[in-house]
Protein backbone atom coordinates (compact mmCIF):
# COMPACT_ATOMS: atom_id res chain seq x y z
CA MET A 1 -2.98 -0.80 24.20
CA GLN A 2 -3.79 1.90 26.72
CA LYS A 3 -1.79 4.43 24.74
CA LEU A 4 -3.67 3.44 21.53
CA ILE A 5 -7.08 4.02 23.31
CA VAL A 6 -5.94 7.42 24.52
CA LEU A 7 -4.86 8.25 20.98
CA LEU A 8 -8.04 7.17 19.40
CA SER A 9 -9.99 9.00 22.02
CA LEU A 10 -8.19 12.31 21.20
CA LEU A 11 -8.67 11.72 17.51
CA PHE A 12 -12.36 11.18 18.05
CA PHE A 13 -12.58 14.35 20.21
CA GLN A 14 -10.75 16.33 17.54
CA SER A 15 -13.16 14.96 14.88
CA LEU A 16 -16.06 16.24 17.01
CA LEU A 17 -14.49 19.75 17.11
CA ILE A 18 -14.09 19.73 13.38
CA ALA A 19 -17.60 18.64 12.89
CA GLN A 20 -19.17 21.08 15.27
CA SER A 21 -16.90 24.13 15.90
CA PRO A 22 -17.41 27.27 13.92
CA GLY A 23 -13.83 28.13 14.58
CA ASP A 24 -12.40 30.98 16.68
CA SER A 25 -10.25 32.61 14.06
CA LEU A 26 -10.08 33.54 10.47
CA MET A 27 -7.97 30.76 8.88
CA VAL A 28 -4.78 32.25 7.40
CA ASP A 29 -3.73 30.77 4.03
CA ASP A 30 -1.86 31.69 0.90
CA GLY A 31 -3.54 34.07 -1.36
CA PRO A 32 -4.49 33.10 -4.97
CA ASP A 33 -2.20 33.86 -7.81
CA LEU A 34 -3.56 37.08 -9.17
CA ARG A 35 -1.80 36.46 -12.44
CA GLU A 36 -4.84 34.23 -13.21
CA LEU A 37 -6.94 37.29 -13.51
CA THR A 38 -7.64 38.13 -17.09
CA TYR A 39 -7.99 41.70 -18.53
CA GLN A 40 -11.57 42.91 -18.34
CA ASN A 41 -12.78 45.41 -20.90
CA PRO A 42 -14.71 48.41 -19.41
CA THR A 43 -18.45 48.24 -19.78
CA TYR A 44 -19.04 52.06 -19.80
CA ALA A 45 -22.44 51.14 -18.35
CA ASN A 46 -24.65 53.70 -16.69
CA PHE A 47 -25.79 53.54 -13.14
CA PRO A 48 -28.23 50.50 -12.71
CA LYS A 49 -31.90 51.02 -13.41
CA PRO A 50 -34.92 49.32 -11.83
CA GLU A 51 -35.52 47.23 -14.99
CA GLU A 52 -32.17 45.62 -14.48
CA VAL A 53 -33.07 44.12 -11.07
CA LEU A 54 -34.91 40.70 -10.67
CA VAL A 55 -36.65 40.32 -7.22
CA VAL A 56 -36.98 36.80 -5.84
CA TYR A 57 -38.91 35.89 -2.64
CA LYS A 58 -40.10 32.68 -0.92
CA LYS A 59 -43.47 31.50 -2.09
CA PRO A 60 -45.97 31.47 0.81
CA ASP A 61 -46.48 28.07 2.33
CA ASN A 62 -49.96 28.99 3.49
CA ALA A 63 -52.24 32.08 3.72
CA SER A 64 -50.44 33.34 6.81
CA ASP A 65 -46.90 32.91 5.37
CA THR A 66 -46.70 36.09 3.34
CA LEU A 67 -43.87 38.05 5.00
CA SER A 68 -41.17 37.27 2.30
CA GLN A 69 -43.63 38.20 -0.45
CA SER A 70 -44.74 41.42 1.31
CA ILE A 71 -41.11 42.49 1.69
CA ALA A 72 -40.54 41.90 -1.96
CA TYR A 73 -43.41 44.04 -3.08
CA TYR A 74 -42.53 46.70 -0.51
CA TYR A 75 -39.07 46.90 -2.09
CA LYS A 76 -40.63 46.74 -5.61
CA ASN A 77 -42.91 49.79 -4.87
CA LYS A 78 -40.20 51.65 -3.03
CA ARG A 79 -37.84 51.36 -6.00
CA ASN A 80 -40.36 51.62 -8.84
CA ILE A 81 -39.49 48.20 -10.16
CA GLN A 82 -41.66 46.82 -13.01
CA ASN A 83 -44.18 44.00 -12.43
CA GLU A 84 -42.17 41.71 -14.79
CA ASN A 85 -39.07 42.10 -12.64
CA ILE A 86 -40.46 40.29 -9.68
CA MET A 87 -41.03 36.55 -9.93
CA PRO A 88 -44.78 36.39 -9.72
CA ASP A 89 -45.16 33.13 -7.69
CA GLY A 90 -41.95 33.28 -5.74
CA ILE A 91 -39.77 30.31 -5.01
CA LEU A 92 -41.22 27.19 -3.41
CA ILE A 93 -38.87 26.20 -0.59
CA PRO A 94 -39.57 22.64 0.56
CA ASP A 95 -38.36 21.46 3.96
CA SER A 96 -36.68 18.46 2.42
CA ILE A 97 -36.05 16.74 -0.96
CA VAL A 98 -35.35 13.05 -1.30
CA TYR A 99 -32.66 12.11 -3.89
CA GLN A 100 -31.55 8.64 -4.70
CA GLU A 101 -28.35 9.28 -2.90
CA GLY A 102 -29.89 10.74 0.28
CA THR A 103 -32.20 13.40 1.74
CA VAL A 104 -31.59 17.11 1.79
CA LYS A 105 -33.12 19.01 4.77
CA LEU A 106 -33.42 22.54 5.94
CA PHE A 107 -32.03 23.52 9.39
CA ASP A 108 -31.65 26.53 11.65
CA GLY A 109 -34.97 28.22 10.94
CA ARG A 110 -34.78 27.11 7.27
CA GLU A 111 -31.60 29.25 6.79
CA ASP A 112 -29.26 26.26 6.13
CA ILE A 113 -29.48 23.60 3.40
CA ARG A 114 -27.74 20.31 4.41
CA GLY A 115 -27.15 17.13 2.48
CA GLN A 116 -24.49 14.53 1.92
CA GLY A 117 -21.81 15.57 -0.64
CA ASP A 118 -23.23 17.78 -3.39
CA LEU A 119 -26.88 17.16 -2.63
CA GLY A 120 -27.30 20.59 -0.94
CA TRP A 121 -25.98 22.24 -4.13
CA ARG A 122 -28.39 20.13 -6.17
CA TYR A 123 -31.14 21.48 -3.94
CA VAL A 124 -30.14 25.01 -4.90
CA MET A 125 -30.03 24.09 -8.55
CA ASP A 126 -33.42 22.29 -8.62
CA THR A 127 -35.33 24.57 -6.23
CA ILE A 128 -33.96 28.04 -6.74
CA ALA A 129 -31.66 28.25 -9.72
CA ILE A 130 -33.70 26.53 -12.37
CA PRO A 131 -36.94 28.39 -11.64
CA ILE A 132 -35.08 31.72 -11.79
CA LYS A 133 -33.32 30.67 -15.09
CA ARG A 134 -36.56 29.51 -16.58
CA TYR A 135 -38.25 32.73 -15.64
CA LEU A 136 -35.50 34.84 -17.17
CA ASN A 137 -35.32 32.81 -20.30
CA ASN A 138 -39.05 32.57 -21.03
CA THR A 139 -40.38 35.94 -20.07
CA ILE A 140 -40.62 38.53 -22.87
CA VAL A 141 -40.96 42.22 -22.14
CA ASN A 142 -41.41 44.71 -24.87
CA GLY A 143 -40.36 42.13 -27.40
CA ASP A 144 -37.03 41.14 -25.67
CA LEU A 145 -36.20 38.30 -23.25
CA LEU A 146 -36.00 39.39 -19.55
CA ALA A 147 -32.71 37.60 -19.44
CA ASN A 148 -31.20 40.18 -21.84
CA ARG A 149 -31.74 43.09 -19.41
CA ILE A 150 -31.24 41.65 -15.96
CA ASN A 151 -27.88 42.33 -14.31
CA TYR A 152 -28.75 41.98 -10.59
CA ILE A 153 -30.78 39.48 -8.51
CA VAL A 154 -32.07 40.65 -5.13
CA LEU A 155 -33.08 37.76 -2.79
CA VAL A 156 -35.54 38.45 0.01
CA LYS A 157 -35.45 37.14 3.45
CA GLY A 158 -37.17 33.73 3.63
CA ILE A 159 -35.03 31.99 1.12
CA PRO A 160 -32.16 29.88 2.60
CA HIS A 161 -28.83 31.68 2.28
CA LYS A 162 -26.22 28.86 2.86
CA VAL A 163 -25.51 25.27 1.93
CA ARG A 164 -23.68 22.69 4.20
CA SER A 165 -22.04 19.66 2.78
CA LEU A 166 -22.14 16.49 5.00
CA PRO A 167 -19.98 15.27 6.56
CA TYR A 168 -19.37 18.86 7.78
CA ILE A 169 -15.77 20.03 7.95
CA TRP A 170 -16.00 23.68 9.06
CA ASN A 171 -12.61 24.70 7.70
CA ALA A 172 -12.82 22.71 4.39
CA GLY A 173 -10.57 24.42 1.81
CA ASN A 174 -12.36 23.15 -1.15
CA ARG A 175 -15.89 24.14 -2.34
CA ARG A 176 -18.21 22.18 -0.02
CA GLN A 177 -19.95 24.87 2.06
CA ALA A 178 -21.24 27.69 -0.09
CA SER A 179 -23.60 30.57 -0.08
CA VAL A 180 -26.72 30.42 -2.19
CA SER A 181 -26.02 33.83 -3.60
CA ASP A 182 -22.51 32.92 -4.75
CA LEU A 183 -23.85 29.92 -6.56
CA LEU A 184 -26.67 31.95 -8.30
CA CYS A 185 -24.11 34.34 -9.72
CA LEU A 186 -23.10 31.62 -12.18
CA ILE A 187 -26.45 30.60 -13.63
CA ASN A 188 -27.23 31.23 -17.28
CA GLN A 189 -23.66 30.72 -18.56
CA PRO A 190 -23.23 31.43 -22.36
CA ASP A 191 -21.60 28.01 -22.50
CA THR A 192 -24.66 25.94 -21.73
CA THR A 193 -22.52 22.87 -20.79
CA LYS A 194 -21.37 24.84 -17.66
CA ASN A 195 -23.26 24.83 -14.42
CA PHE A 196 -22.14 25.43 -10.85
CA LEU A 197 -22.62 21.72 -9.76
CA GLN A 198 -19.38 21.11 -11.75
CA LEU A 199 -17.57 23.35 -9.19
CA TYR A 200 -18.45 21.24 -6.08
CA ASN A 201 -15.36 20.12 -4.19
CA THR A 202 -13.01 21.92 -6.55
CA SER A 203 -10.22 24.16 -5.17
CA ARG A 204 -11.57 27.71 -4.51
CA PHE A 205 -8.34 28.99 -6.15
CA SER A 206 -9.45 27.54 -9.41
CA ASN A 207 -12.27 30.03 -10.05
CA ILE A 208 -11.30 33.67 -9.45
CA ASN A 209 -14.00 36.38 -9.39
CA PRO A 210 -13.32 38.46 -12.47
CA LEU A 211 -14.53 41.60 -10.73
CA LEU A 212 -11.81 41.50 -8.17
CA GLN A 213 -9.98 44.87 -8.13
CA VAL A 214 -11.36 45.39 -11.69
CA ASP A 215 -11.04 49.23 -11.39
CA PRO A 216 -8.25 50.10 -9.04
CA ASP A 217 -8.06 53.61 -10.40
CA ILE A 218 -11.83 54.08 -9.82
CA THR A 219 -12.62 55.28 -13.30
CA MET A 220 -16.24 54.24 -12.96
CA ASP A 221 -16.01 52.58 -16.33
CA TYR A 222 -16.66 48.97 -15.08
CA ARG A 223 -20.20 49.08 -13.68
CA PHE A 224 -21.51 45.64 -13.85
CA ARG A 225 -23.13 44.15 -16.88
CA SER A 226 -24.17 40.54 -17.40
CA ASN A 227 -22.36 38.36 -19.95
CA HIS A 228 -19.30 40.54 -19.73
CA PHE A 229 -16.93 39.79 -16.85
CA VAL A 230 -15.25 36.36 -17.41
CA ASN A 231 -12.33 34.60 -15.70
CA SER A 232 -9.53 32.56 -17.19
CA GLY A 233 -11.57 29.32 -16.77
CA GLY A 234 -14.33 30.68 -18.98
CA TRP A 235 -16.80 31.26 -16.11
CA TYR A 236 -18.81 34.43 -16.45
CA THR A 237 -20.08 36.21 -13.43
CA GLN A 238 -23.59 36.54 -14.93
CA TYR A 239 -25.49 38.28 -12.11
CA LEU A 240 -24.50 40.05 -8.94
CA VAL A 241 -26.64 38.55 -6.29
CA THR A 242 -27.50 40.48 -3.09
CA TRP A 243 -29.78 40.15 -0.15
CA LEU A 244 -32.55 42.19 1.58
CA ASN A 245 -32.00 40.35 4.97
CA GLY A 246 -31.87 40.96 8.67
CA GLU A 247 -32.79 39.37 11.99
CA THR A 248 -36.51 40.23 11.57
CA TYR A 249 -38.79 41.31 8.75
CA ALA A 250 -39.25 44.70 10.43
CA ASP A 251 -35.47 45.06 10.23
CA VAL A 252 -35.63 44.48 6.50
CA ILE A 253 -38.35 47.18 6.06
CA ASP A 254 -36.16 49.66 7.83
CA LEU A 255 -33.21 48.53 5.73
CA ILE A 256 -35.16 49.21 2.53
CA ASP A 257 -36.12 52.73 3.59
CA ARG A 258 -32.46 53.54 4.39
CA LEU A 259 -31.27 52.20 1.11
CA ALA A 260 -33.77 54.33 -0.75
CA ASP A 261 -32.45 57.53 0.84
CA PRO A 262 -28.65 57.29 1.02
CA ASP A 263 -26.44 60.08 2.33
CA TYR A 264 -24.91 62.11 -0.56
CA THR A 265 -23.07 64.66 1.53
CA GLY A 266 -19.55 63.12 1.37
CA GLU A 267 -18.91 64.36 4.83
CA LYS A 268 -19.31 61.27 7.04
CA THR A 269 -16.59 59.16 8.65
CA TRP A 270 -15.03 55.81 7.58
CA VAL A 271 -14.09 53.92 10.82
CA LEU A 272 -11.06 51.73 10.20
CA ASP A 273 -10.40 49.79 13.40
CA ALA A 274 -7.21 47.77 12.88
CA ASP A 275 -5.83 45.46 15.51
CA SER A 276 -2.17 45.34 16.10
CA ASP A 277 -2.08 41.60 16.42
CA ALA A 278 -3.98 40.79 13.20
CA SER A 279 -1.01 41.00 10.85
CA TYR A 280 -3.03 39.41 8.08
CA HIS A 281 -5.34 42.42 7.98
CA GLN A 282 -3.06 45.26 8.90
CA ALA A 283 -1.76 45.92 5.46
CA THR A 284 -5.22 45.82 3.95
CA ILE A 285 -6.97 48.17 6.38
CA TYR A 286 -3.92 50.60 6.23
CA ALA A 287 -4.34 50.62 2.36
CA THR A 288 -8.01 51.44 2.81
CA TYR A 289 -7.04 54.32 5.14
CA GLN A 290 -4.39 55.65 2.68
CA LYS A 291 -6.78 55.49 -0.26
CA LEU A 292 -9.77 57.21 1.46
CA GLU A 293 -7.46 59.90 2.88
CA GLU A 294 -5.96 60.43 -0.68
CA LEU A 295 -9.47 60.84 -2.01
CA GLY A 296 -10.22 63.42 0.67
CA PHE A 297 -12.76 61.62 2.84
CA TYR A 298 -12.93 61.65 6.70
CA THR A 299 -11.36 58.56 8.43
CA ASN A 300 -11.09 57.46 12.01
CA TYR A 301 -8.04 54.98 11.82
CA ASP A 302 -6.47 53.15 14.73
CA ASN A 303 -3.99 50.30 14.83
CA THR A 304 -3.49 49.73 18.54
CA HIS A 305 -5.24 47.30 20.83
CA GLU A 306 -7.82 49.96 21.69
CA PHE A 307 -11.21 49.72 20.09
CA ILE A 308 -12.87 52.55 18.24
CA LYS A 309 -16.37 52.74 19.83
CA THR A 310 -17.50 56.39 19.17
CA ASP A 311 -17.15 59.16 16.72
CA SER A 312 -18.45 62.74 16.91
CA ASN A 313 -19.49 62.48 13.22
CA SER A 314 -21.94 60.01 11.70
CA VAL A 315 -20.40 56.93 10.25
CA VAL A 316 -20.64 55.66 6.68
CA GLY A 317 -18.33 52.71 6.86
CA TYR A 318 -17.00 50.41 9.58
CA VAL A 319 -14.37 47.65 9.28
CA SER A 320 -12.67 45.68 12.06
CA ASP A 321 -11.47 42.25 13.17
CA GLY A 322 -14.36 41.93 15.61
CA VAL A 323 -13.91 39.11 18.03
CA HIS A 324 -10.49 38.23 16.56
CA ALA A 325 -9.41 41.60 18.01
CA GLY A 326 -10.75 40.70 21.37
CA MET A 327 -14.22 42.28 21.10
CA PRO A 328 -17.26 40.43 22.62
CA ALA A 329 -19.51 38.60 20.11
CA ASN A 330 -22.23 41.26 20.71
CA TYR A 331 -19.88 44.18 20.14
CA ILE A 332 -22.06 45.62 17.21
CA LEU A 333 -25.02 45.85 19.57
CA GLU A 334 -23.42 46.60 22.90
CA LEU A 335 -19.89 48.13 22.30
CA LEU A 336 -20.22 50.30 19.32
CA GLU A 337 -22.03 53.67 19.86
CA PHE A 338 -22.01 55.05 16.34
CA ASP A 339 -24.66 57.02 14.61
CA TYR A 340 -24.83 55.28 11.12
CA THR A 341 -25.86 57.40 8.24
CA ASN A 342 -28.08 56.06 5.52
CA GLY A 343 -25.98 53.94 3.12
CA ALA A 344 -23.49 52.99 5.92
CA SER A 345 -21.56 49.79 5.00
CA PHE A 346 -20.07 47.10 7.17
CA ILE A 347 -17.06 44.70 6.70
CA SER A 348 -15.58 42.60 9.55
CA TRP A 349 -12.88 40.04 9.11
CA GLU A 350 -14.75 37.32 11.03
CA SER A 351 -15.34 33.90 9.53
CA PHE A 352 -19.02 33.51 10.35
CA ASN A 353 -20.45 36.99 10.38
CA ALA A 354 -23.14 35.99 7.87
CA TYR A 355 -23.82 32.64 9.62
CA SER A 356 -27.36 33.58 10.59
CA PHE A 357 -30.09 36.15 9.90
CA GLY A 358 -32.38 35.38 12.66
CA PHE A 359 -32.03 31.84 13.95
CA PHE A 360 -28.80 32.48 15.88
CA THR A 361 -27.87 35.63 17.72
CA SER A 362 -24.26 36.94 17.72
CA THR A 363 -23.61 35.42 21.08
CA GLY A 364 -24.88 32.04 19.83
CA VAL A 365 -22.48 32.11 16.93
CA GLY A 366 -19.71 33.58 19.01
CA GLN A 367 -18.87 36.25 16.45
CA GLY A 368 -20.46 39.50 15.18
CA LEU A 369 -23.27 39.22 12.69
CA ILE A 370 -24.32 41.27 9.72
CA SER A 371 -27.86 41.11 11.13
CA ASP A 372 -26.64 43.06 14.21
CA PHE A 373 -25.26 45.90 12.01
CA ILE A 374 -28.58 46.01 9.97
CA ARG A 375 -30.48 46.18 13.25
CA MET A 376 -28.38 49.11 14.50
CA GLY A 377 -28.89 51.18 11.31
CA GLY A 378 -26.63 49.79 8.81
CA SER A 379 -27.47 49.67 5.14
CA ALA A 380 -24.94 47.39 3.33
CA ALA A 381 -22.67 44.67 4.43
CA SER A 382 -20.36 41.91 3.27
CA GLY A 383 -19.62 38.73 5.09
CA HIS A 384 -19.18 34.92 5.04
CA CYS A 385 -21.66 32.13 5.89
CA TYR A 386 -18.99 29.69 6.72
CA GLU A 387 -15.14 29.72 7.15
CA PRO A 388 -13.85 31.76 4.16
CA PHE A 389 -10.11 31.71 4.95
CA VAL A 390 -8.23 35.05 4.80
CA SER A 391 -8.16 34.86 1.05
CA GLY A 392 -11.91 34.52 0.86
CA ALA A 393 -12.73 37.60 2.99
CA THR A 394 -14.08 40.74 1.38
CA TYR A 395 -11.17 43.12 1.04
CA ASP A 396 -12.11 46.62 2.34
CA ASP A 397 -9.23 48.32 0.44
CA ARG A 398 -11.02 47.49 -2.78
CA THR A 399 -14.53 47.81 -1.69
CA TYR A 400 -14.67 51.08 0.37
CA PRO A 401 -12.91 53.43 -2.04
CA ALA A 402 -15.03 52.16 -4.94
CA TYR A 403 -18.22 52.65 -2.93
CA ALA A 404 -17.17 56.13 -1.69
CA MET A 405 -16.48 57.37 -5.22
CA GLY A 406 -19.67 56.18 -6.90
CA TYR A 407 -20.02 52.45 -7.52
CA ASN A 408 -23.28 51.05 -6.05
CA ASP A 409 -22.87 49.13 -2.80
CA VAL A 410 -23.19 45.68 -4.55
CA ASP A 411 -20.67 46.45 -7.35
CA ALA A 412 -18.26 47.74 -4.69
CA HIS A 413 -18.46 44.69 -2.49
CA TYR A 414 -17.91 42.41 -5.40
CA GLN A 415 -14.81 44.22 -6.40
CA GLY A 416 -13.24 43.07 -3.01
CA ILE A 417 -14.25 39.34 -3.36
CA TYR A 418 -11.64 36.81 -4.62
CA PHE A 419 -13.65 33.62 -5.46
CA ASN A 420 -16.80 32.54 -7.34
CA ALA A 421 -19.09 29.90 -5.90
CA TRP A 422 -17.58 30.38 -2.48
CA GLN A 423 -19.06 31.65 0.88
CA ASN A 424 -19.53 35.41 0.61
CA VAL A 425 -22.87 36.99 1.36
CA ILE A 426 -23.77 40.64 0.58
CA VAL A 427 -26.61 42.64 1.93
CA GLY A 428 -27.57 45.69 0.00
CA ASP A 429 -29.30 47.12 -3.06
CA PRO A 430 -27.79 47.63 -6.48
CA LEU A 431 -29.93 50.82 -6.83
CA THR A 432 -28.08 52.42 -3.83
CA ALA A 433 -24.88 54.51 -4.18
CA ILE A 434 -23.54 57.32 -2.10
CA ALA A 435 -21.71 58.71 -5.08
CA TRP A 436 -19.45 61.00 -3.09
CA GLY A 437 -16.79 61.27 -5.73
CA LYS A 438 -18.71 61.10 -9.00
């Protein structure tokens, strides 16, 4: 009887860890079967224009709650985006919604949507997705529906960026936790019987992102276009969704200014800090190094236990394993001493580097955060709001060469992402490209 009590106590303690822990490592798993990728025709699209971007902000709760709206209009004016391309009333974000099956609530400074089972996904559908879809499909500009010209959705700080399914299992392999932006990529499917709620609790391997490594030769012929890229399950990636986000609204203003003035010199350094113990990332980061060297760009590559903390040149890209290589959680703020050039991009293979954009600090999460990189002068980043597993991380060997050669930062990051409706979060601007090669 005593042994049974001890066993039950251990199981209960383990369940608490699963319920509460953000994990201390990137979960290693088997990669998806890339044979499921279907051939994608080139789009031959030109570089994105302001009329292809829809800007979405949080509707003010009161007269003093205008920060999200102000940021949206600052970006609109900075990028000469038309009035019709910004949702005029924003998105109303209620603190809670009561469904028959339970109540969905916002937590962590309104960053995190939580509800039993798929209720958080339903909150995203009802509160964010349907208003955006309705606006796209009912707004006529110069005799044509807005939906026919929008390719990118830019979300502004103030809208929740992640969904947690209760009971919470931090390392759930199926689609339970998700990023809001990954769900919004799938709205407005040509097959109107499809909606992202149908993907809740399905295997992440069942829905490959059709933009994954779509242009390995970097021909520049695959710039994104809505209603074009489709996977073997018939799901179109209808929009590329990105964020203007950071720890503070002042950080976001600075971010927008940098994004509007990227470095076109082609002479800055890509810092590729591999860790000799992180075998799951060694091959990928080495492939990034090889490709960037082949293309003639400056790199600072190291695969020892030593950390790259400085470079005599300005830095345009940084990738590492962060805390999984032994760095402290605040390494971006306190350890790295780089001068980041405008347009600098960040990728770390850390599970929760997009866990928070203001409510938690990096030390609170225990891992580096994208918001730290933005604060220190970064311009674009790709990360994960929950445990992505190794297969769900953003692969730098696809993203960085594409960005270096001329794809905008959003297209480039999506070319390194395996799954639709998963946990990836991108900060950046589809109108920003460094265009060093093309």
